Amino acid sequence: MTAILDTVLQREKDESFTDYHIRLFKNKDTYHIDTKTIATLLNKDQGTNYDESKWRKDFKQFERWHDYFISKNMNKEVQQKHEEIRIESEKQTIKARDQKREFRKFIANQARFEQIKDDVVQAIASLESKRPLRFTFPSPAIAEKHGLALFSDWHFGMEIDNRINKFNKEIFNERVEHLTNKVIEYGKQNHVSTLHVANLGDLIGGLIHVSTRVQANEDAVEQIKYVSETLAEVLAMLASEFQEVKFYNVAGNHGRLSPSKNDVGIKENFEY
């Protein structure tokens, strides 16, 4: 890529210096160079030592008078064709600039998510020594029977206290404990040997809505860390009661890194 670009920046064999000068300035965005780089190239070609402003002002003069001379020396049909080419060239320049901006935004989002992901993984790994998972092997099942438990929309991290509802970290813990006990109770009553646990998403409050961010009492990293540990402990408890536990996970929209789904990739989601 560098070798090709260096060749493009050199003056072509049959290219006049003026054409070379104009080409560099007209294509500086495409070539990814600035006016100082252009000045260096032009001075090197001519053996001069002018500063950047001289070459830039010369080009501005060309731009100022170019359309005037064209209009005076072309018939209307040629002028129209020239204008169409000029407009198409400007459109391509704008497209290239927009693509470059979107690509930079995409890279920035990826870098941000990867850093946060690394922080989350490190934080969860450190919990192993502080809160190791413990479970015992259950007694052999008397029959082969399957059961299904669905988890979804826990929205941990949100804090609500109004006349309609109340929700916070303590209530979250109480509800998860109640849910786990009920799953075990119903599973034992129905002699389930294989329990399928499906997480349907949105276990955290996340960042995607302004109201959600206002209501959140813990940031997204802490949310996913706490929910991950809670979920692991729940599965360990279930594994102590049922012969086999199979876990399935679907990432919800509340785990997205950005409020706009167009700004992030499918996997840039805390719930992954």
C-alpha atoms as a PDB file:
ATOM      1  CA  MET A   1       0.000   0.000   0.000  1.00  0.00           C
ATOM      2  CA  THR A   2       2.839   2.417   0.919  1.00  0.00           C
ATOM      3  CA  ALA A   3       4.799   1.618  -2.237  1.00  0.00           C
ATOM      4  CA  ILE A   4       1.761   2.227  -4.439  1.00  0.00           C
ATOM      5  CA  LEU A   5       0.942   5.479  -2.665  1.00  0.00           C
ATOM      6  CA  ASP A   6       4.563   6.724  -2.979  1.00  0.00           C
ATOM      7  CA  THR A   7       4.406   6.103  -6.732  1.00  0.00           C
ATOM      8  CA  VAL A   8       1.155   8.061  -7.017  1.00  0.00           C
ATOM      9  CA  LEU A   9       2.722  11.020  -5.210  1.00  0.00           C
ATOM     10  CA  GLN A  10       5.559  11.293  -7.723  1.00  0.00           C
ATOM     11  CA  ARG A  11       5.350  13.454 -10.832  1.00  0.00           C
ATOM     12  CA  GLU A  12       4.470  11.355 -13.863  1.00  0.00           C
ATOM     13  CA  LYS A  13       6.806  11.137 -16.857  1.00  0.00           C
ATOM     14  CA  ASP A  14       4.740  13.266 -19.265  1.00  0.00           C
ATOM     15  CA  GLU A  15       3.038  15.372 -16.580  1.00  0.00           C
ATOM     16  CA  SER A  16       3.746  19.092 -16.508  1.00  0.00           C
ATOM     17  CA  PHE A  17       4.713  20.632 -13.193  1.00  0.00           C
ATOM     18  CA  THR A  18       1.494  22.694 -13.157  1.00  0.00           C
ATOM     19  CA  ASP A  19      -0.612  19.577 -13.727  1.00  0.00           C
ATOM     20  CA  TYR A  20       1.354  17.830 -10.977  1.00  0.00           C
ATOM     21  CA  HIS A  21       0.770  20.765  -8.624  1.00  0.00           C
ATOM     22  CA  ILE A  22      -2.970  20.782  -9.316  1.00  0.00           C
ATOM     23  CA  ARG A  23      -3.306  16.988  -9.057  1.00  0.00           C
ATOM     24  CA  LEU A  24      -1.720  16.838  -5.618  1.00  0.00           C
ATOM     25  CA  PHE A  25      -3.981  19.518  -4.179  1.00  0.00           C
ATOM     26  CA  LYS A  26      -7.147  18.207  -5.820  1.00  0.00           C
ATOM     27  CA  ASN A  27      -6.515  14.662  -4.547  1.00  0.00           C
ATOM     28  CA  LYS A  28      -4.968  15.336  -1.142  1.00  0.00           C
ATOM     29  CA  ASP A  29      -7.882  13.669   0.706  1.00  0.00           C
ATOM     30  CA  THR A  30      -7.689  10.615  -1.531  1.00  0.00           C
ATOM     31  CA  TYR A  31      -3.903  10.436  -1.121  1.00  0.00           C
ATOM     32  CA  HIS A  32      -4.219  11.053   2.658  1.00  0.00           C
ATOM     33  CA  ILE A  33      -1.673  13.889   2.623  1.00  0.00           C
ATOM     34  CA  ASP A  34      -1.728  17.458   3.962  1.00  0.00           C
ATOM     35  CA  THR A  35      -0.597  20.722   2.385  1.00  0.00           C
ATOM     36  CA  LYS A  36       2.799  20.594   4.121  1.00  0.00           C
ATOM     37  CA  THR A  37       3.497  17.219   2.526  1.00  0.00           C
ATOM     38  CA  ILE A  38       2.476  18.638  -0.862  1.00  0.00           C
ATOM     39  CA  ALA A  39       4.827  21.600  -0.378  1.00  0.00           C
ATOM     40  CA  THR A  40       7.692  19.212   0.378  1.00  0.00           C
ATOM     41  CA  LEU A  41       6.975  17.217  -2.798  1.00  0.00           C
ATOM     42  CA  LEU A  42       6.747  20.328  -4.997  1.00  0.00           C
ATOM     43  CA  ASN A  43       9.909  21.894  -3.553  1.00  0.00           C
ATOM     44  CA  LYS A  44      11.777  18.631  -4.068  1.00  0.00           C
ATOM     45  CA  ASP A  45      10.648  18.484  -7.699  1.00  0.00           C
ATOM     46  CA  GLN A  46      11.645  22.112  -8.421  1.00  0.00           C
ATOM     47  CA  GLY A  47      14.674  22.376  -6.138  1.00  0.00           C
ATOM     48  CA  THR A  48      13.056  25.252  -4.255  1.00  0.00           C
ATOM     49  CA  ASN A  49      12.392  25.998  -0.587  1.00  0.00           C
ATOM     50  CA  TYR A  50       9.036  27.794  -0.570  1.00  0.00           C
ATOM     51  CA  ASP A  51       6.771  27.433   2.463  1.00  0.00           C
ATOM     52  CA  GLU A  52       3.413  25.682   2.362  1.00  0.00           C
ATOM     53  CA  SER A  53       1.372  28.877   1.983  1.00  0.00           C
ATOM     54  CA  LYS A  54       2.943  29.773  -1.391  1.00  0.00           C
ATOM     55  CA  TRP A  55       1.877  26.529  -3.062  1.00  0.00           C
ATOM     56  CA  ARG A  56      -1.521  26.566  -1.369  1.00  0.00           C
ATOM     57  CA  LYS A  57      -2.238  30.145  -2.499  1.00  0.00           C
ATOM     58  CA  ASP A  58      -1.171  29.336  -6.058  1.00  0.00           C
ATOM     59  CA  PHE A  59      -3.676  26.501  -6.117  1.00  0.00           C
ATOM     60  CA  LYS A  60      -6.395  28.751  -4.658  1.00  0.00           C
ATOM     61  CA  GLN A  61      -5.796  31.178  -7.536  1.00  0.00           C
ATOM     62  CA  PHE A  62      -6.201  28.304  -9.992  1.00  0.00           C
ATOM     63  CA  GLU A  63      -9.488  27.310  -8.334  1.00  0.00           C
ATOM     64  CA  ARG A  64     -10.680  30.920  -8.356  1.00  0.00           C
ATOM     65  CA  TRP A  65     -10.190  31.449 -12.103  1.00  0.00           C
ATOM     66  CA  HIS A  66     -10.635  27.927 -13.414  1.00  0.00           C
ATOM     67  CA  ASP A  67     -14.411  27.938 -13.863  1.00  0.00           C
ATOM     68  CA  TYR A  68     -14.293  31.470 -15.349  1.00  0.00           C
ATOM     69  CA  PHE A  69     -11.840  30.490 -18.089  1.00  0.00           C
ATOM     70  CA  ILE A  70     -13.778  27.316 -18.761  1.00  0.00           C
ATOM     71  CA  SER A  71     -17.028  29.251 -19.202  1.00  0.00           C
ATOM     72  CA  LYS A  72     -15.367  31.741 -21.576  1.00  0.00           C
ATOM     73  CA  ASN A  73     -13.725  29.138 -23.785  1.00  0.00           C
ATOM     74  CA  MET A  74     -16.265  26.317 -23.981  1.00  0.00           C
ATOM     75  CA  ASN A  75     -19.571  26.029 -25.744  1.00  0.00           C
ATOM     76  CA  LYS A  76     -22.630  25.301 -23.619  1.00  0.00           C
ATOM     77  CA  GLU A  77     -22.713  21.586 -24.367  1.00  0.00           C
ATOM     78  CA  VAL A  78     -19.083  21.126 -23.312  1.00  0.00           C
ATOM     79  CA  GLN A  79     -19.631  23.368 -20.285  1.00  0.00           C
ATOM     80  CA  GLN A  80     -22.556  21.231 -19.174  1.00  0.00           C
ATOM     81  CA  LYS A  81     -20.479  18.064 -19.555  1.00  0.00           C
ATOM     82  CA  HIS A  82     -17.660  19.652 -17.618  1.00  0.00           C
ATOM     83  CA  GLU A  83     -20.045  20.662 -14.834  1.00  0.00           C
ATOM     84  CA  GLU A  84     -21.442  17.125 -14.644  1.00  0.00           C
ATOM     85  CA  ILE A  85     -17.922  15.740 -14.286  1.00  0.00           C
ATOM     86  CA  ARG A  86     -17.084  18.344 -11.637  1.00  0.00           C
ATOM     87  CA  ILE A  87     -20.220  17.519  -9.623  1.00  0.00           C
ATOM     88  CA  GLU A  88     -19.571  13.773  -9.872  1.00  0.00           C
ATOM     89  CA  SER A  89     -16.000  14.320  -8.694  1.00  0.00           C
ATOM     90  CA  GLU A  90     -17.237  16.355  -5.731  1.00  0.00           C
ATOM     91  CA  LYS A  91     -19.757  13.636  -4.861  1.00  0.00           C
ATOM     92  CA  GLN A  92     -17.037  10.991  -4.881  1.00  0.00           C
ATOM     93  CA  THR A  93     -14.888  13.184  -2.615  1.00  0.00           C
ATOM     94  CA  ILE A  94     -17.748  13.561  -0.137  1.00  0.00           C
ATOM     95  CA  LYS A  95     -18.470   9.816  -0.237  1.00  0.00           C
ATOM     96  CA  ALA A  96     -14.825   9.016   0.468  1.00  0.00           C
ATOM     97  CA  ARG A  97     -14.776  11.500   3.364  1.00  0.00           C
ATOM     98  CA  ASP A  98     -17.983  10.049   4.837  1.00  0.00           C
ATOM     99  CA  GLN A  99     -16.671   6.490   4.514  1.00  0.00           C
ATOM    100  CA  LYS A 100     -13.448   7.509   6.237  1.00  0.00           C
ATOM    101  CA  ARG A 101     -15.391   9.141   9.095  1.00  0.00           C
ATOM    102  CA  GLU A 102     -17.656   6.112   9.555  1.00  0.00           C
ATOM    103  CA  PHE A 103     -14.661   3.792   9.506  1.00  0.00           C
ATOM    104  CA  ARG A 104     -12.915   5.846  12.213  1.00  0.00           C
ATOM    105  CA  LYS A 105     -16.077   5.751  14.321  1.00  0.00           C
ATOM    106  CA  PHE A 106     -16.323   1.983  13.837  1.00  0.00           C
ATOM    107  CA  ILE A 107     -12.686   1.486  14.908  1.00  0.00           C
ATOM    108  CA  ALA A 108     -13.169   3.760  17.943  1.00  0.00           C
ATOM    109  CA  ASN A 109     -16.232   1.786  19.068  1.00  0.00           C
ATOM    110  CA  GLN A 110     -14.386  -1.499  18.643  1.00  0.00           C
ATOM    111  CA  ALA A 111     -11.406  -0.273  20.636  1.00  0.00           C
ATOM    112  CA  ARG A 112     -13.643   1.015  23.414  1.00  0.00           C
ATOM    113  CA  PHE A 113     -15.596  -2.243  23.611  1.00  0.00           C
ATOM    114  CA  GLU A 114     -12.456  -4.392  23.610  1.00  0.00           C
ATOM    115  CA  GLN A 115     -11.022  -2.378  26.497  1.00  0.00           C
ATOM    116  CA  ILE A 116     -14.244  -2.678  28.489  1.00  0.00           C
ATOM    117  CA  LYS A 117     -14.468  -6.400  27.672  1.00  0.00           C
ATOM    118  CA  ASP A 118     -10.923  -6.933  28.933  1.00  0.00           C
ATOM    119  CA  ASP A 119     -11.800  -5.079  32.147  1.00  0.00           C
ATOM    120  CA  VAL A 120     -14.909  -7.218  32.644  1.00  0.00           C
ATOM    121  CA  VAL A 121     -13.071 -10.495  32.018  1.00  0.00           C
ATOM    122  CA  GLN A 122     -10.305  -9.508  34.426  1.00  0.00           C
ATOM    123  CA  ALA A 123     -12.807  -8.437  37.092  1.00  0.00           C
ATOM    124  CA  ILE A 124     -14.788 -11.691  36.800  1.00  0.00           C
ATOM    125  CA  ALA A 125     -11.623 -13.796  36.849  1.00  0.00           C
ATOM    126  CA  SER A 126     -10.543 -12.143  40.093  1.00  0.00           C
ATOM    127  CA  LEU A 127     -13.795 -13.287  41.720  1.00  0.00           C
ATOM    128  CA  GLU A 128     -12.710 -16.924  41.449  1.00  0.00           C
ATOM    129  CA  SER A 129     -10.383 -16.584  44.426  1.00  0.00           C
ATOM    130  CA  LYS A 130     -12.840 -14.486  46.441  1.00  0.00           C
ATOM    131  CA  ARG A 131     -16.097 -16.315  45.731  1.00  0.00           C
ATOM    132  CA  PRO A 132     -15.317 -19.766  44.277  1.00  0.00           C
ATOM    133  CA  LEU A 133     -18.260 -21.702  42.877  1.00  0.00           C
ATOM    134  CA  ARG A 134     -19.216 -24.714  44.975  1.00  0.00           C
ATOM    135  CA  PHE A 135     -21.610 -27.512  44.095  1.00  0.00           C
ATOM    136  CA  THR A 136     -22.095 -31.179  44.823  1.00  0.00           C
ATOM    137  CA  PHE A 137     -22.963 -33.939  42.404  1.00  0.00           C
ATOM    138  CA  PRO A 138     -26.668 -34.818  42.604  1.00  0.00           C
ATOM    139  CA  SER A 139     -28.035 -38.302  43.112  1.00  0.00           C
ATOM    140  CA  PRO A 140     -28.657 -40.335  39.935  1.00  0.00           C
ATOM    141  CA  ALA A 141     -32.006 -39.586  38.294  1.00  0.00           C
ATOM    142  CA  ILE A 142     -34.698 -42.261  38.467  1.00  0.00           C
ATOM    143  CA  ALA A 143     -35.941 -41.411  34.963  1.00  0.00           C
ATOM    144  CA  GLU A 144     -35.001 -39.376  31.907  1.00  0.00           C
ATOM    145  CA  LYS A 145     -37.149 -36.263  32.034  1.00  0.00           C
ATOM    146  CA  HIS A 146     -36.455 -32.764  30.697  1.00  0.00           C
ATOM    147  CA  GLY A 147     -37.461 -29.409  32.133  1.00  0.00           C
ATOM    148  CA  LEU A 148     -37.097 -25.823  30.897  1.00  0.00           C
ATOM    149  CA  ALA A 149     -36.399 -22.666  32.940  1.00  0.00           C
ATOM    150  CA  LEU A 150     -36.503 -19.276  31.192  1.00  0.00           C
ATOM    151  CA  PHE A 151     -34.547 -16.267  32.509  1.00  0.00           C
ATOM    152  CA  SER A 152     -35.036 -12.824  30.998  1.00  0.00           C
ATOM    153  CA  ASP A 153     -35.328  -9.092  31.669  1.00  0.00           C
ATOM    154  CA  TRP A 154     -33.671  -9.001  35.081  1.00  0.00           C
ATOM    155  CA  HIS A 155     -32.497  -5.430  34.332  1.00  0.00           C
ATOM    156  CA  PHE A 156     -29.995  -5.472  37.158  1.00  0.00           C
ATOM    157  CA  GLY A 157     -28.518  -2.053  37.880  1.00  0.00           C
ATOM    158  CA  MET A 158     -31.773  -0.127  37.637  1.00  0.00           C
ATOM    159  CA  GLU A 159     -33.176   1.486  40.754  1.00  0.00           C
ATOM    160  CA  ILE A 160     -36.863   2.378  40.871  1.00  0.00           C
ATOM    161  CA  ASP A 161     -38.904   3.669  43.773  1.00  0.00           C
ATOM    162  CA  ASN A 162     -42.305   5.140  42.947  1.00  0.00           C
ATOM    163  CA  ARG A 163     -45.979   4.495  43.574  1.00  0.00           C
ATOM    164  CA  ILE A 164     -46.069   1.826  40.858  1.00  0.00           C
ATOM    165  CA  ASN A 165     -43.012  -0.259  41.606  1.00  0.00           C
ATOM    166  CA  LYS A 166     -39.821  -0.617  43.589  1.00  0.00           C
ATOM    167  CA  PHE A 167     -36.608  -2.264  42.422  1.00  0.00           C
ATOM    168  CA  ASN A 168     -33.008  -2.206  43.603  1.00  0.00           C
ATOM    169  CA  LYS A 169     -30.055  -4.511  44.237  1.00  0.00           C
ATOM    170  CA  GLU A 170     -31.554  -6.065  47.381  1.00  0.00           C
ATOM    171  CA  ILE A 171     -34.857  -6.782  45.667  1.00  0.00           C
ATOM    172  CA  PHE A 172     -32.956  -8.218  42.697  1.00  0.00           C
ATOM    173  CA  ASN A 173     -31.142 -10.674  44.988  1.00  0.00           C
ATOM    174  CA  GLU A 174     -34.423 -11.675  46.672  1.00  0.00           C
ATOM    175  CA  ARG A 175     -36.135 -12.316  43.342  1.00  0.00           C
ATOM    176  CA  VAL A 176     -33.243 -14.373  41.945  1.00  0.00           C
ATOM    177  CA  GLU A 177     -33.201 -16.482  45.113  1.00  0.00           C
ATOM    178  CA  HIS A 178     -36.975 -16.961  44.903  1.00  0.00           C
ATOM    179  CA  LEU A 179     -36.724 -17.912  41.219  1.00  0.00           C
ATOM    180  CA  THR A 180     -33.943 -20.422  41.865  1.00  0.00           C
ATOM    181  CA  ASN A 181     -35.827 -22.064  44.722  1.00  0.00           C
ATOM    182  CA  LYS A 182     -38.987 -22.354  42.618  1.00  0.00           C
ATOM    183  CA  VAL A 183     -37.087 -23.937  39.708  1.00  0.00           C
ATOM    184  CA  ILE A 184     -35.609 -26.504  42.084  1.00  0.00           C
ATOM    185  CA  GLU A 185     -38.970 -27.111  43.759  1.00  0.00           C
ATOM    186  CA  TYR A 186     -40.896 -27.655  40.511  1.00  0.00           C
ATOM    187  CA  GLY A 187     -38.050 -29.664  39.012  1.00  0.00           C
ATOM    188  CA  LYS A 188     -37.996 -32.051  41.978  1.00  0.00           C
ATOM    189  CA  GLN A 189     -41.769 -32.370  41.990  1.00  0.00           C
ATOM    190  CA  ASN A 190     -41.703 -33.377  38.338  1.00  0.00           C
ATOM    191  CA  HIS A 191     -38.613 -35.623  38.595  1.00  0.00           C
ATOM    192  CA  VAL A 192     -36.592 -33.611  36.068  1.00  0.00           C
ATOM    193  CA  SER A 193     -33.209 -35.144  35.240  1.00  0.00           C
ATOM    194  CA  THR A 194     -32.035 -32.698  32.570  1.00  0.00           C
ATOM    195  CA  LEU A 195     -32.753 -29.030  33.142  1.00  0.00           C
ATOM    196  CA  HIS A 196     -32.484 -26.625  30.212  1.00  0.00           C
ATOM    197  CA  VAL A 197     -31.840 -23.042  31.349  1.00  0.00           C
ATOM    198  CA  ALA A 198     -32.377 -20.420  28.653  1.00  0.00           C
ATOM    199  CA  ASN A 199     -31.334 -16.803  29.171  1.00  0.00           C
ATOM    200  CA  LEU A 200     -33.433 -14.713  26.796  1.00  0.00           C
ATOM    201  CA  GLY A 201     -31.456 -11.510  27.377  1.00  0.00           C
ATOM    202  CA  ASP A 202     -31.559  -8.106  29.046  1.00  0.00           C
ATOM    203  CA  LEU A 203     -30.210  -9.293  32.392  1.00  0.00           C
ATOM    204  CA  ILE A 204     -28.629  -5.847  32.877  1.00  0.00           C
ATOM    205  CA  GLY A 205     -30.089  -2.354  32.694  1.00  0.00           C
ATOM    206  CA  GLY A 206     -27.300  -1.239  30.372  1.00  0.00           C
ATOM    207  CA  LEU A 207     -26.696   2.080  28.634  1.00  0.00           C
ATOM    208  CA  ILE A 208     -29.076   2.179  25.689  1.00  0.00           C
ATOM    209  CA  HIS A 209     -31.700   4.634  26.948  1.00  0.00           C
ATOM    210  CA  VAL A 210     -31.276   7.962  28.717  1.00  0.00           C
ATOM    211  CA  SER A 211     -33.908   6.930  31.265  1.00  0.00           C
ATOM    212  CA  THR A 212     -32.034   3.674  31.855  1.00  0.00           C
ATOM    213  CA  ARG A 213     -28.769   5.504  32.479  1.00  0.00           C
ATOM    214  CA  VAL A 214     -30.486   7.897  34.875  1.00  0.00           C
ATOM    215  CA  GLN A 215     -32.078   5.006  36.779  1.00  0.00           C
ATOM    216  CA  ALA A 216     -28.923   2.872  36.902  1.00  0.00           C
ATOM    217  CA  ASN A 217     -27.170   2.686  40.258  1.00  0.00           C
ATOM    218  CA  GLU A 218     -24.155   0.782  38.886  1.00  0.00           C
ATOM    219  CA  ASP A 219     -22.220   1.248  35.673  1.00  0.00           C
ATOM    220  CA  ALA A 220     -22.369  -1.333  32.891  1.00  0.00           C
ATOM    221  CA  VAL A 221     -19.104  -3.054  33.831  1.00  0.00           C
ATOM    222  CA  GLU A 222     -20.271  -3.564  37.411  1.00  0.00           C
ATOM    223  CA  GLN A 223     -23.694  -4.671  36.171  1.00  0.00           C
ATOM    224  CA  ILE A 224     -22.366  -7.399  33.910  1.00  0.00           C
ATOM    225  CA  LYS A 225     -19.808  -8.497  36.511  1.00  0.00           C
ATOM    226  CA  TYR A 226     -22.425  -8.872  39.221  1.00  0.00           C
ATOM    227  CA  VAL A 227     -24.985 -10.555  36.972  1.00  0.00           C
ATOM    228  CA  SER A 228     -22.360 -12.945  35.583  1.00  0.00           C
ATOM    229  CA  GLU A 229     -21.388 -14.033  39.093  1.00  0.00           C
ATOM    230  CA  THR A 230     -25.030 -14.312  40.159  1.00  0.00           C
ATOM    231  CA  LEU A 231     -25.871 -16.385  37.092  1.00  0.00           C
ATOM    232  CA  ALA A 232     -22.861 -18.643  37.678  1.00  0.00           C
ATOM    233  CA  GLU A 233     -23.919 -19.227  41.295  1.00  0.00           C
ATOM    234  CA  VAL A 234     -27.493 -20.002  40.229  1.00  0.00           C
ATOM    235  CA  LEU A 235     -26.263 -22.558  37.686  1.00  0.00           C
ATOM    236  CA  ALA A 236     -23.968 -24.105  40.300  1.00  0.00           C
ATOM    237  CA  MET A 237     -26.943 -24.493  42.653  1.00  0.00           C
ATOM    238  CA  LEU A 238     -29.034 -26.065  39.907  1.00  0.00           C
ATOM    239  CA  ALA A 239     -26.155 -28.401  39.003  1.00  0.00           C
ATOM    240  CA  SER A 240     -26.194 -29.626  42.601  1.00  0.00           C
ATOM    241  CA  GLU A 241     -29.864 -30.629  42.232  1.00  0.00           C
ATOM    242  CA  PHE A 242     -30.224 -31.924  38.678  1.00  0.00           C
ATOM    243  CA  GLN A 243     -28.251 -34.634  36.906  1.00  0.00           C
ATOM    244  CA  GLU A 244     -27.537 -32.413  33.921  1.00  0.00           C
ATOM    245  CA  VAL A 245     -27.942 -28.672  33.340  1.00  0.00           C
ATOM    246  CA  LYS A 246     -27.730 -27.176  29.847  1.00  0.00           C
ATOM    247  CA  PHE A 247     -27.428 -23.412  29.511  1.00  0.00           C
ATOM    248  CA  TYR A 248     -28.423 -21.331  26.463  1.00  0.00           C
ATOM    249  CA  ASN A 249     -27.746 -17.628  26.051  1.00  0.00           C
ATOM    250  CA  VAL A 250     -29.306 -14.924  23.873  1.00  0.00           C
ATOM    251  CA  ALA A 251     -27.858 -11.401  24.014  1.00  0.00           C
ATOM    252  CA  GLY A 252     -30.484  -8.716  24.589  1.00  0.00           C
ATOM    253  CA  ASN A 253     -30.454  -5.134  23.378  1.00  0.00           C
ATOM    254  CA  HIS A 254     -29.800  -3.640  26.844  1.00  0.00           C
ATOM    255  CA  GLY A 255     -26.271  -5.039  26.719  1.00  0.00           C
ATOM    256  CA  ARG A 256     -25.307  -2.957  23.664  1.00  0.00           C
ATOM    257  CA  LEU A 257     -22.265  -0.748  24.001  1.00  0.00           C
ATOM    258  CA  SER A 258     -23.992   2.179  22.280  1.00  0.00           C
ATOM    259  CA  PRO A 259     -27.575   3.516  22.349  1.00  0.00           C
ATOM    260  CA  SER A 260     -27.570   3.377  18.532  1.00  0.00           C
ATOM    261  CA  LYS A 261     -27.629  -0.133  17.082  1.00  0.00           C
ATOM    262  CA  ASN A 262     -26.032   1.266  13.894  1.00  0.00           C
ATOM    263  CA  ASP A 263     -22.888   2.323  15.762  1.00  0.00           C
ATOM    264  CA  VAL A 264     -21.860  -1.125  16.956  1.00  0.00           C
ATOM    265  CA  GLY A 265     -21.436  -4.644  15.648  1.00  0.00           C
ATOM    266  CA  ILE A 266     -23.674  -7.513  16.699  1.00  0.00           C
ATOM    267  CA  LYS A 267     -21.089  -8.884  19.112  1.00  0.00           C
ATOM    268  CA  GLU A 268     -20.284  -5.523  20.737  1.00  0.00           C
ATOM    269  CA  ASN A 269     -22.640  -6.394  23.513  1.00  0.00           C
ATOM    270  CA  PHE A 270     -21.851  -6.863  27.209  1.00  0.00           C
ATOM    271  CA  GLU A 271     -24.094  -9.912  27.400  1.00  0.00           C
ATOM    272  CA  TYR A 272     -21.796 -11.858  25.063  1.00  0.00           C
END
